[in-house]
Amino acid sequence: MQTTIHSSDFALTDALETFIKEQAGQSMTKCSDRVESLIVRLKKINGPLQDKECTVEVKLARQPPIVVSKRSTDAYASIRSAMSRASRTTLRRVKRRRAKRAEVSE
C-alpha cells in the first residue's frame, strides 16, 4: 500500500506526518492487501474556527475510489476521524465484493 500525503495552507510537521502514517497502518491492516494506494490531503479552512479538513482517498483494484472528508478544529482529530471512516467503508466494500464473488461461484 502506497501512502501519499499532501498539505496546503499549513506546514506539515514531522510529528503530523508520522501520526498520519501510523493511523494509515493501523486503520488499514485488515484490508491492506486490497488497497493499492492511500492519498491523504490536509487543508486549512478559512473561517472563524480555522478548521482543518482531512480528505482520505482509498484506491482499490478495479473499483472506484473511496473518498472521505472530515473537518475539525484539531488536525489530529480530523485525521483520526477520516481514517476511521475510510477504514470502515473500505472493509464494507471488500466484504460486499467477496459476498458477490461467493454467490457467482456457487
PDB file of N, CA and C in Angstrom:
ATOM      1  N   MET A   1       0.852  -1.176   0.000  1.00  0.00           N
ATOM      2  CA  MET A   1       0.000   0.000   0.000  1.00  0.00           C
ATOM      3  C   MET A   1       0.896   1.237   0.000  1.00  0.00           C
ATOM      4  N   GLN A   2       0.693   2.071  -0.981  1.00  0.00           N
ATOM      5  CA  GLN A   2       1.469   3.306  -1.098  1.00  0.00           C
ATOM      6  C   GLN A   2       0.686   4.449  -0.447  1.00  0.00           C
ATOM      7  N   THR A   3       1.315   5.182   0.449  1.00  0.00           N
ATOM      8  CA  THR A   3       0.673   6.300   1.134  1.00  0.00           C
ATOM      9  C   THR A   3       1.301   7.608   0.678  1.00  0.00           C
ATOM     10  N   THR A   4       0.447   8.541   0.222  1.00  0.00           N
ATOM     11  CA  THR A   4       0.890   9.858  -0.219  1.00  0.00           C
ATOM     12  C   THR A   4       0.199  10.907   0.644  1.00  0.00           C
ATOM     13  N   ILE A   5       0.954  11.915   1.079  1.00  0.00           N
ATOM     14  CA  ILE A   5       0.410  12.966   1.941  1.00  0.00           C
ATOM     15  C   ILE A   5       0.613  14.316   1.265  1.00  0.00           C
ATOM     16  N   HIS A   6      -0.484  15.084   1.148  1.00  0.00           N
ATOM     17  CA  HIS A   6      -0.431  16.434   0.594  1.00  0.00           C
ATOM     18  C   HIS A   6      -0.961  17.405   1.643  1.00  0.00           C
ATOM     19  N   SER A   7      -0.336  18.570   1.738  1.00  0.00           N
ATOM     20  CA  SER A   7      -0.773  19.586   2.686  1.00  0.00           C
ATOM     21  C   SER A   7      -0.815  20.935   1.988  1.00  0.00           C
ATOM     22  N   SER A   8      -1.904  21.663   2.197  1.00  0.00           N
ATOM     23  CA  SER A   8      -1.985  23.013   1.642  1.00  0.00           C
ATOM     24  C   SER A   8      -2.441  23.975   2.731  1.00  0.00           C
ATOM     25  N   ASP A   9      -1.918  25.159   2.694  1.00  0.00           N
ATOM     26  CA  ASP A   9      -2.267  26.252   3.603  1.00  0.00           C
ATOM     27  C   ASP A   9      -1.672  26.138   5.009  1.00  0.00           C
ATOM     28  N   PHE A  10      -0.984  25.056   5.331  1.00  0.00           N
ATOM     29  CA  PHE A  10      -0.252  24.996   6.596  1.00  0.00           C
ATOM     30  C   PHE A  10       0.871  23.968   6.490  1.00  0.00           C
ATOM     31  N   ALA A  11       1.852  24.126   7.365  1.00  0.00           N
ATOM     32  CA  ALA A  11       3.055  23.290   7.300  1.00  0.00           C
ATOM     33  C   ALA A  11       2.776  21.887   7.831  1.00  0.00           C
ATOM     34  N   LEU A  12       3.317  20.919   7.133  1.00  0.00           N
ATOM     35  CA  LEU A  12       3.215  19.529   7.549  1.00  0.00           C
ATOM     36  C   LEU A  12       4.443  19.194   8.398  1.00  0.00           C
ATOM     37  N   THR A  13       4.247  19.060   9.696  1.00  0.00           N
ATOM     38  CA  THR A  13       5.365  18.779  10.600  1.00  0.00           C
ATOM     39  C   THR A  13       5.713  17.287  10.559  1.00  0.00           C
ATOM     40  N   ASP A  14       6.890  16.967  11.056  1.00  0.00           N
ATOM     41  CA  ASP A  14       7.308  15.563  11.120  1.00  0.00           C
ATOM     42  C   ASP A  14       6.376  14.755  12.022  1.00  0.00           C
ATOM     43  N   ALA A  15       5.948  15.359  13.125  1.00  0.00           N
ATOM     44  CA  ALA A  15       5.044  14.676  14.053  1.00  0.00           C
ATOM     45  C   ALA A  15       3.704  14.371  13.388  1.00  0.00           C
ATOM     46  N   LEU A  16       3.190  15.320  12.617  1.00  0.00           N
ATOM     47  CA  LEU A  16       1.918  15.128  11.925  1.00  0.00           C
ATOM     48  C   LEU A  16       2.050  14.051  10.848  1.00  0.00           C
ATOM     49  N   GLU A  17       3.151  14.073  10.124  1.00  0.00           N
ATOM     50  CA  GLU A  17       3.389  13.066   9.084  1.00  0.00           C
ATOM     51  C   GLU A  17       3.508  11.662   9.695  1.00  0.00           C
ATOM     52  N   THR A  18       4.205  11.554  10.802  1.00  0.00           N
ATOM     53  CA  THR A  18       4.336  10.272  11.496  1.00  0.00           C
ATOM     54  C   THR A  18       2.981   9.788  11.988  1.00  0.00           C
ATOM     55  N   PHE A  19       2.182  10.706  12.531  1.00  0.00           N
ATOM     56  CA  PHE A  19       0.848  10.359  13.015  1.00  0.00           C
ATOM     57  C   PHE A  19      -0.022   9.828  11.876  1.00  0.00           C
ATOM     58  N   ILE A  20       0.040  10.473  10.714  1.00  0.00           N
ATOM     59  CA  ILE A  20      -0.750  10.040   9.559  1.00  0.00           C
ATOM     60  C   ILE A  20      -0.337   8.637   9.128  1.00  0.00           C
ATOM     61  N   LYS A  21       0.954   8.387   9.052  1.00  0.00           N
ATOM     62  CA  LYS A  21       1.436   7.066   8.634  1.00  0.00           C
ATOM     63  C   LYS A  21       1.047   5.981   9.636  1.00  0.00           C
ATOM     64  N   GLU A  22       1.103   6.301  10.932  1.00  0.00           N
ATOM     65  CA  GLU A  22       0.688   5.336  11.953  1.00  0.00           C
ATOM     66  C   GLU A  22      -0.804   5.046  11.855  1.00  0.00           C
ATOM     67  N   GLN A  23      -1.609   6.088  11.685  1.00  0.00           N
ATOM     68  CA  GLN A  23      -3.050   5.908  11.551  1.00  0.00           C
ATOM     69  C   GLN A  23      -3.389   5.087  10.310  1.00  0.00           C
ATOM     70  N   ALA A  24      -2.701   5.355   9.213  1.00  0.00           N
ATOM     71  CA  ALA A  24      -2.940   4.610   7.974  1.00  0.00           C
ATOM     72  C   ALA A  24      -2.599   3.137   8.172  1.00  0.00           C
ATOM     73  N   GLY A  25      -1.484   2.874   8.810  1.00  0.00           N
ATOM     74  CA  GLY A  25      -1.083   1.491   9.050  1.00  0.00           C
ATOM     75  C   GLY A  25      -2.047   0.749   9.954  1.00  0.00           C
ATOM     76  N   GLN A  26      -2.487   1.406  11.026  1.00  0.00           N
ATOM     77  CA  GLN A  26      -3.393   0.773  11.981  1.00  0.00           C
ATOM     78  C   GLN A  26      -4.787   0.574  11.405  1.00  0.00           C
ATOM     79  N   SER A  27      -5.301   1.575  10.709  1.00  0.00           N
ATOM     80  CA  SER A  27      -6.689   1.501  10.260  1.00  0.00           C
ATOM     81  C   SER A  27      -6.879   0.614   9.036  1.00  0.00           C
ATOM     82  N   MET A  28      -5.839   0.437   8.238  1.00  0.00           N
ATOM     83  CA  MET A  28      -5.986  -0.342   7.005  1.00  0.00           C
ATOM     84  C   MET A  28      -5.357  -1.736   7.091  1.00  0.00           C
ATOM     85  N   THR A  29      -5.046  -2.225   8.285  1.00  0.00           N
ATOM     86  CA  THR A  29      -4.375  -3.523   8.406  1.00  0.00           C
ATOM     87  C   THR A  29      -5.228  -4.676   7.892  1.00  0.00           C
ATOM     88  N   LYS A  30      -6.520  -4.648   8.142  1.00  0.00           N
ATOM     89  CA  LYS A  30      -7.383  -5.762   7.751  1.00  0.00           C
ATOM     90  C   LYS A  30      -7.564  -5.877   6.239  1.00  0.00           C
ATOM     91  N   CYS A  31      -7.386  -4.785   5.532  1.00  0.00           N
ATOM     92  CA  CYS A  31      -7.625  -4.821   4.086  1.00  0.00           C
ATOM     93  C   CYS A  31      -6.457  -4.247   3.290  1.00  0.00           C
ATOM     94  N   SER A  32      -5.271  -4.227   3.872  1.00  0.00           N
ATOM     95  CA  SER A  32      -4.122  -3.617   3.195  1.00  0.00           C
ATOM     96  C   SER A  32      -3.733  -4.350   1.920  1.00  0.00           C
ATOM     97  N   ASP A  33      -4.048  -5.644   1.829  1.00  0.00           N
ATOM     98  CA  ASP A  33      -3.735  -6.385   0.613  1.00  0.00           C
ATOM     99  C   ASP A  33      -4.620  -5.966  -0.561  1.00  0.00           C
ATOM    100  N   ARG A  34      -5.768  -5.390  -0.291  1.00  0.00           N
ATOM    101  CA  ARG A  34      -6.692  -4.937  -1.342  1.00  0.00           C
ATOM    102  C   ARG A  34      -6.475  -3.476  -1.738  1.00  0.00           C
ATOM    103  N   VAL A  35      -5.824  -2.704  -0.877  1.00  0.00           N
ATOM    104  CA  VAL A  35      -5.636  -1.271  -1.112  1.00  0.00           C
ATOM    105  C   VAL A  35      -4.400  -1.047  -1.975  1.00  0.00           C
ATOM    106  N   GLU A  36      -4.603  -0.387  -3.119  1.00  0.00           N
ATOM    107  CA  GLU A  36      -3.476  -0.068  -3.996  1.00  0.00           C
ATOM    108  C   GLU A  36      -2.738   1.173  -3.507  1.00  0.00           C
ATOM    109  N   SER A  37      -3.505   2.226  -3.181  1.00  0.00           N
ATOM    110  CA  SER A  37      -2.871   3.451  -2.698  1.00  0.00           C
ATOM    111  C   SER A  37      -3.806   4.199  -1.763  1.00  0.00           C
ATOM    112  N   LEU A  38      -3.194   5.033  -0.942  1.00  0.00           N
ATOM    113  CA  LEU A  38      -3.911   5.841   0.033  1.00  0.00           C
ATOM    114  C   LEU A  38      -3.380   7.263  -0.089  1.00  0.00           C
ATOM    115  N   ILE A  39      -4.270   8.201  -0.381  1.00  0.00           N
ATOM    116  CA  ILE A  39      -3.879   9.603  -0.524  1.00  0.00           C
ATOM    117  C   ILE A  39      -4.547  10.394   0.595  1.00  0.00           C
ATOM    118  N   VAL A  40      -3.750  11.126   1.355  1.00  0.00           N
ATOM    119  CA  VAL A  40      -4.257  11.947   2.458  1.00  0.00           C
ATOM    120  C   VAL A  40      -3.984  13.404   2.116  1.00  0.00           C
ATOM    121  N   ARG A  41      -5.050  14.212   2.104  1.00  0.00           N
ATOM    122  CA  ARG A  41      -4.917  15.642   1.818  1.00  0.00           C
ATOM    123  C   ARG A  41      -5.355  16.429   3.045  1.00  0.00           C
ATOM    124  N   LEU A  42      -4.511  17.357   3.466  1.00  0.00           N
ATOM    125  CA  LEU A  42      -4.818  18.224   4.605  1.00  0.00           C
ATOM    126  C   LEU A  42      -4.948  19.653   4.110  1.00  0.00           C
ATOM    127  N   LYS A  43      -5.974  20.350   4.614  1.00  0.00           N
ATOM    128  CA  LYS A  43      -6.214  21.715   4.168  1.00  0.00           C
ATOM    129  C   LYS A  43      -6.767  22.527   5.329  1.00  0.00           C
ATOM    130  N   LYS A  44      -6.331  23.774   5.426  1.00  0.00           N
ATOM    131  CA  LYS A  44      -6.861  24.683   6.442  1.00  0.00           C
ATOM    132  C   LYS A  44      -8.023  25.439   5.813  1.00  0.00           C
ATOM    133  N   ILE A  45      -9.160  25.437   6.484  1.00  0.00           N
ATOM    134  CA  ILE A  45     -10.359  26.113   6.002  1.00  0.00           C
ATOM    135  C   ILE A  45     -10.422  27.483   6.662  1.00  0.00           C
ATOM    136  N   ASN A  46     -10.486  28.526   5.853  1.00  0.00           N
ATOM    137  CA  ASN A  46     -10.589  29.876   6.406  1.00  0.00           C
ATOM    138  C   ASN A  46     -11.975  30.089   6.983  1.00  0.00           C
ATOM    139  N   GLY A  47     -12.027  30.665   8.126  1.00  0.00           N
ATOM    140  CA  GLY A  47     -13.289  30.927   8.796  1.00  0.00           C
ATOM    141  C   GLY A  47     -13.012  31.269  10.244  1.00  0.00           C
ATOM    142  N   PRO A  48     -14.067  31.494  11.014  1.00  0.00           N
ATOM    143  CA  PRO A  48     -13.866  31.909  12.401  1.00  0.00           C
ATOM    144  C   PRO A  48     -13.220  30.825  13.274  1.00  0.00           C
ATOM    145  N   LEU A  49     -13.415  29.547  12.938  1.00  0.00           N
ATOM    146  CA  LEU A  49     -12.865  28.473  13.765  1.00  0.00           C
ATOM    147  C   LEU A  49     -11.522  27.945  13.271  1.00  0.00           C
ATOM    148  N   GLN A  50     -11.089  28.369  12.079  1.00  0.00           N
ATOM    149  CA  GLN A  50      -9.833  27.882  11.494  1.00  0.00           C
ATOM    150  C   GLN A  50      -9.793  26.351  11.468  1.00  0.00           C
ATOM    151  N   ASP A  51     -10.850  25.742  10.927  1.00  0.00           N
ATOM    152  CA  ASP A  51     -10.929  24.290  10.853  1.00  0.00           C
ATOM    153  C   ASP A  51      -9.854  23.705   9.952  1.00  0.00           C
ATOM    154  N   LYS A  52      -9.506  22.464  10.245  1.00  0.00           N
ATOM    155  CA  LYS A  52      -8.605  21.689   9.400  1.00  0.00           C
ATOM    156  C   LYS A  52      -9.436  20.573   8.775  1.00  0.00           C
ATOM    157  N   GLU A  53      -9.286  20.379   7.471  1.00  0.00           N
ATOM    158  CA  GLU A  53     -10.023  19.333   6.772  1.00  0.00           C
ATOM    159  C   GLU A  53      -9.052  18.251   6.322  1.00  0.00           C
ATOM    160  N   CYS A  54      -9.419  17.018   6.573  1.00  0.00           N
ATOM    161  CA  CYS A  54      -8.627  15.876   6.131  1.00  0.00           C
ATOM    162  C   CYS A  54      -9.466  15.080   5.142  1.00  0.00           C
ATOM    163  N   THR A  55      -8.936  14.872   3.950  1.00  0.00           N
ATOM    164  CA  THR A  55      -9.592  14.066   2.935  1.00  0.00           C
ATOM    165  C   THR A  55      -8.732  12.836   2.689  1.00  0.00           C
ATOM    166  N   VAL A  56      -9.346  11.673   2.822  1.00  0.00           N
ATOM    167  CA  VAL A  56      -8.649  10.408   2.603  1.00  0.00           C
ATOM    168  C   VAL A  56      -9.250   9.751   1.369  1.00  0.00           C
ATOM    169  N   GLU A  57      -8.396   9.390   0.426  1.00  0.00           N
ATOM    170  CA  GLU A  57      -8.829   8.708  -0.792  1.00  0.00           C
ATOM    171  C   GLU A  57      -8.167   7.335  -0.827  1.00  0.00           C
ATOM    172  N   VAL A  58      -8.999   6.298  -0.854  1.00  0.00           N
ATOM    173  CA  VAL A  58      -8.516   4.918  -0.878  1.00  0.00           C
ATOM    174  C   VAL A  58      -8.798   4.352  -2.262  1.00  0.00           C
ATOM    175  N   LYS A  59      -7.755   3.878  -2.935  1.00  0.00           N
ATOM    176  CA  LYS A  59      -7.921   3.291  -4.262  1.00  0.00           C
ATOM    177  C   LYS A  59      -7.787   1.781  -4.155  1.00  0.00           C
ATOM    178  N   LEU A  60      -8.849   1.097  -4.579  1.00  0.00           N
ATOM    179  CA  LEU A  60      -8.875  -0.357  -4.597  1.00  0.00           C
ATOM    180  C   LEU A  60      -8.742  -0.846  -6.032  1.00  0.00           C
ATOM    181  N   ALA A  61      -8.288  -2.070  -6.197  1.00  0.00           N
ATOM    182  CA  ALA A  61      -8.120  -2.635  -7.535  1.00  0.00           C
ATOM    183  C   ALA A  61      -9.474  -2.794  -8.223  1.00  0.00           C
ATOM    184  N   ARG A  62      -9.573  -2.289  -9.432  1.00  0.00           N
ATOM    185  CA  ARG A  62     -10.756  -2.424 -10.296  1.00  0.00           C
ATOM    186  C   ARG A  62     -12.055  -1.971  -9.630  1.00  0.00           C
ATOM    187  N   GLN A  63     -11.976  -0.944  -8.798  1.00  0.00           N
ATOM    188  CA  GLN A  63     -13.154  -0.371  -8.159  1.00  0.00           C
ATOM    189  C   GLN A  63     -12.987   1.138  -8.090  1.00  0.00           C
ATOM    190  N   PRO A  64     -14.097   1.865  -8.029  1.00  0.00           N
ATOM    191  CA  PRO A  64     -13.972   3.324  -7.881  1.00  0.00           C
ATOM    192  C   PRO A  64     -13.357   3.672  -6.527  1.00  0.00           C
ATOM    193  N   PRO A  65     -12.662   4.805  -6.447  1.00  0.00           N
ATOM    194  CA  PRO A  65     -12.016   5.174  -5.181  1.00  0.00           C
ATOM    195  C   PRO A  65     -13.029   5.534  -4.097  1.00  0.00           C
ATOM    196  N   ILE A  66     -12.617   5.357  -2.863  1.00  0.00           N
ATOM    197  CA  ILE A  66     -13.407   5.742  -1.696  1.00  0.00           C
ATOM    198  C   ILE A  66     -12.825   7.058  -1.200  1.00  0.00           C
ATOM    199  N   VAL A  67     -13.668   8.089  -1.098  1.00  0.00           N
ATOM    200  CA  VAL A  67     -13.207   9.407  -0.665  1.00  0.00           C
ATOM    201  C   VAL A  67     -14.000   9.822   0.570  1.00  0.00           C
ATOM    202  N   VAL A  68     -13.279  10.149   1.642  1.00  0.00           N
ATOM    203  CA  VAL A  68     -13.894  10.557   2.907  1.00  0.00           C
ATOM    204  C   VAL A  68     -13.254  11.861   3.359  1.00  0.00           C
ATOM    205  N   SER A  69     -14.082  12.850   3.744  1.00  0.00           N
ATOM    206  CA  SER A  69     -13.581  14.129   4.253  1.00  0.00           C
ATOM    207  C   SER A  69     -14.164  14.396   5.633  1.00  0.00           C
ATOM    208  N   LYS A  70     -13.325  14.881   6.523  1.00  0.00           N
ATOM    209  CA  LYS A  70     -13.757  15.258   7.872  1.00  0.00           C
ATOM    210  C   LYS A  70     -13.104  16.574   8.255  1.00  0.00           C
ATOM    211  N   ARG A  71     -13.860  17.410   8.990  1.00  0.00           N
ATOM    212  CA  ARG A  71     -13.356  18.702   9.471  1.00  0.00           C
ATOM    213  C   ARG A  71     -13.370  18.749  10.983  1.00  0.00           C
ATOM    214  N   SER A  72     -12.373  19.449  11.524  1.00  0.00           N
ATOM    215  CA  SER A  72     -12.290  19.654  12.967  1.00  0.00           C
ATOM    216  C   SER A  72     -11.354  20.826  13.226  1.00  0.00           C
ATOM    217  N   THR A  73     -11.460  21.419  14.406  1.00  0.00           N
ATOM    218  CA  THR A  73     -10.535  22.496  14.760  1.00  0.00           C
ATOM    219  C   THR A  73      -9.144  21.937  15.039  1.00  0.00           C
ATOM    220  N   ASP A  74      -9.064  20.642  15.330  1.00  0.00           N
ATOM    221  CA  ASP A  74      -7.795  19.967  15.603  1.00  0.00           C
ATOM    222  C   ASP A  74      -7.439  19.067  14.420  1.00  0.00           C
ATOM    223  N   ALA A  75      -6.253  19.240  13.861  1.00  0.00           N
ATOM    224  CA  ALA A  75      -5.821  18.446  12.703  1.00  0.00           C
ATOM    225  C   ALA A  75      -5.770  16.961  13.045  1.00  0.00           C
ATOM    226  N   TYR A  76      -5.292  16.629  14.227  1.00  0.00           N
ATOM    227  CA  TYR A  76      -5.180  15.228  14.627  1.00  0.00           C
ATOM    228  C   TYR A  76      -6.560  14.567  14.716  1.00  0.00           C
ATOM    229  N   ALA A  77      -7.546  15.293  15.226  1.00  0.00           N
ATOM    230  CA  ALA A  77      -8.900  14.754  15.334  1.00  0.00           C
ATOM    231  C   ALA A  77      -9.511  14.521  13.958  1.00  0.00           C
ATOM    232  N   SER A  78      -9.298  15.440  13.029  1.00  0.00           N
ATOM    233  CA  SER A  78      -9.853  15.258  11.688  1.00  0.00           C
ATOM    234  C   SER A  78      -9.180  14.086  10.973  1.00  0.00           C
ATOM    235  N   ILE A  79      -7.884  13.896  11.178  1.00  0.00           N
ATOM    236  CA  ILE A  79      -7.171  12.763  10.574  1.00  0.00           C
ATOM    237  C   ILE A  79      -7.692  11.450  11.149  1.00  0.00           C
ATOM    238  N   ARG A  80      -7.793  11.383  12.471  1.00  0.00           N
ATOM    239  CA  ARG A  80      -8.264  10.169  13.135  1.00  0.00           C
ATOM    240  C   ARG A  80      -9.669   9.792  12.668  1.00  0.00           C
ATOM    241  N   SER A  81     -10.548  10.776  12.595  1.00  0.00           N
ATOM    242  CA  SER A  81     -11.928  10.537  12.197  1.00  0.00           C
ATOM    243  C   SER A  81     -12.030  10.100  10.732  1.00  0.00           C
ATOM    244  N   ALA A  82     -11.300  10.769   9.852  1.00  0.00           N
ATOM    245  CA  ALA A  82     -11.342  10.430   8.425  1.00  0.00           C
ATOM    246  C   ALA A  82     -10.759   9.041   8.169  1.00  0.00           C
ATOM    247  N   MET A  83      -9.661   8.705   8.833  1.00  0.00           N
ATOM    248  CA  MET A  83      -9.052   7.378   8.660  1.00  0.00           C
ATOM    249  C   MET A  83      -9.980   6.275   9.156  1.00  0.00           C
ATOM    250  N   SER A  84     -10.625   6.513  10.283  1.00  0.00           N
ATOM    251  CA  SER A  84     -11.546   5.531  10.835  1.00  0.00           C
ATOM    252  C   SER A  84     -12.711   5.285   9.883  1.00  0.00           C
ATOM    253  N   ARG A  85     -13.282   6.354   9.377  1.00  0.00           N
ATOM    254  CA  ARG A  85     -14.410   6.235   8.450  1.00  0.00           C
ATOM    255  C   ARG A  85     -13.990   5.557   7.144  1.00  0.00           C
ATOM    256  N   ALA A  86     -12.828   5.924   6.618  1.00  0.00           N
ATOM    257  CA  ALA A  86     -12.326   5.317   5.382  1.00  0.00           C
ATOM    258  C   ALA A  86     -12.081   3.825   5.578  1.00  0.00           C
ATOM    259  N   SER A  87     -11.568   3.445   6.735  1.00  0.00           N
ATOM    260  CA  SER A  87     -11.319   2.039   7.036  1.00  0.00           C
ATOM    261  C   SER A  87     -12.619   1.243   7.070  1.00  0.00           C
ATOM    262  N   ARG A  88     -13.628   1.763   7.760  1.00  0.00           N
ATOM    263  CA  ARG A  88     -14.922   1.072   7.839  1.00  0.00           C
ATOM    264  C   ARG A  88     -15.553   0.928   6.460  1.00  0.00           C
ATOM    265  N   THR A  89     -15.500   1.986   5.664  1.00  0.00           N
ATOM    266  CA  THR A  89     -16.079   1.953   4.325  1.00  0.00           C
ATOM    267  C   THR A  89     -15.335   0.967   3.432  1.00  0.00           C
ATOM    268  N   THR A  90     -14.018   0.945   3.525  1.00  0.00           N
ATOM    269  CA  THR A  90     -13.212   0.024   2.722  1.00  0.00           C
ATOM    270  C   THR A  90     -13.517  -1.424   3.098  1.00  0.00           C
ATOM    271  N   LEU A  91     -13.575  -1.724   4.387  1.00  0.00           N
ATOM    272  CA  LEU A  91     -13.904  -3.079   4.832  1.00  0.00           C
ATOM    273  C   LEU A  91     -15.284  -3.505   4.347  1.00  0.00           C
ATOM    274  N   ARG A  92     -16.244  -2.601   4.426  1.00  0.00           N
ATOM    275  CA  ARG A  92     -17.594  -2.909   3.974  1.00  0.00           C
ATOM    276  C   ARG A  92     -17.601  -3.244   2.483  1.00  0.00           C
ATOM    277  N   ARG A  93     -16.877  -2.454   1.694  1.00  0.00           N
ATOM    278  CA  ARG A  93     -16.839  -2.686   0.250  1.00  0.00           C
ATOM    279  C   ARG A  93     -16.132  -4.001  -0.085  1.00  0.00           C
ATOM    280  N   VAL A  94     -15.045  -4.306   0.606  1.00  0.00           N
ATOM    281  CA  VAL A  94     -14.318  -5.558   0.365  1.00  0.00           C
ATOM    282  C   VAL A  94     -15.195  -6.760   0.724  1.00  0.00           C
ATOM    283  N   LYS A  95     -15.891  -6.697   1.864  1.00  0.00           N
ATOM    284  CA  LYS A  95     -16.776  -7.795   2.266  1.00  0.00           C
ATOM    285  C   LYS A  95     -17.912  -7.979   1.275  1.00  0.00           C
ATOM    286  N   ARG A  96     -18.482  -6.884   0.797  1.00  0.00           N
ATOM    287  CA  ARG A  96     -19.566  -6.949  -0.171  1.00  0.00           C
ATOM    288  C   ARG A  96     -19.088  -7.609  -1.467  1.00  0.00           C
ATOM    289  N   ARG A  97     -17.881  -7.250  -1.886  1.00  0.00           N
ATOM    290  CA  ARG A  97     -17.328  -7.830  -3.116  1.00  0.00           C
ATOM    291  C   ARG A  97     -17.065  -9.330  -2.937  1.00  0.00           C
ATOM    292  N   ARG A  98     -16.559  -9.726  -1.778  1.00  0.00           N
ATOM    293  CA  ARG A  98     -16.334 -11.153  -1.509  1.00  0.00           C
ATOM    294  C   ARG A  98     -17.645 -11.922  -1.520  1.00  0.00           C
ATOM    295  N   ALA A  99     -18.696 -11.331  -0.945  1.00  0.00           N
ATOM    296  CA  ALA A  99     -20.004 -11.985  -0.912  1.00  0.00           C
ATOM    297  C   ALA A  99     -20.557 -12.161  -2.325  1.00  0.00           C
ATOM    298  N   LYS A 100     -20.396 -11.151  -3.169  1.00  0.00           N
ATOM    299  CA  LYS A 100     -20.875 -11.257  -4.548  1.00  0.00           C
ATOM    300  C   LYS A 100     -20.110 -12.331  -5.309  1.00  0.00           C
ATOM    301  N   ARG A 101     -18.796 -12.412  -5.081  1.00  0.00           N
ATOM    302  CA  ARG A 101     -17.993 -13.452  -5.742  1.00  0.00           C
ATOM    303  C   ARG A 101     -18.419 -14.842  -5.286  1.00  0.00           C
ATOM    304  N   ALA A 102     -18.746 -14.990  -4.012  1.00  0.00           N
ATOM    305  CA  ALA A 102     -19.180 -16.282  -3.489  1.00  0.00           C
ATOM    306  C   ALA A 102     -20.508 -16.694  -4.111  1.00  0.00           C
ATOM    307  N   GLU A 103     -21.420 -15.734  -4.311  1.00  0.00           N
ATOM    308  CA  GLU A 103     -22.709 -16.027  -4.936  1.00  0.00           C
ATOM    309  C   GLU A 103     -22.525 -16.474  -6.378  1.00  0.00           C
ATOM    310  N   VAL A 104     -21.637 -15.818  -7.096  1.00  0.00           N
ATOM    311  CA  VAL A 104     -21.409 -16.131  -8.504  1.00  0.00           C
ATOM    312  C   VAL A 104     -20.773 -17.512  -8.657  1.00  0.00           C
ATOM    313  N   SER A 105     -19.873 -17.876  -7.769  1.00  0.00           N
ATOM    314  CA  SER A 105     -19.167 -19.150  -7.889  1.00  0.00           C
ATOM    315  C   SER A 105     -20.026 -20.352  -7.489  1.00  0.00           C
ATOM    316  N   GLU A 106     -21.130 -20.116  -6.807  1.00  0.00           N
ATOM    317  CA  GLU A 106     -21.996 -21.230  -6.376  1.00  0.00           C
ATOM    318  C   GLU A 106     -22.859 -21.745  -7.468  1.00  0.00           C
TER     319      GLU A 106
END
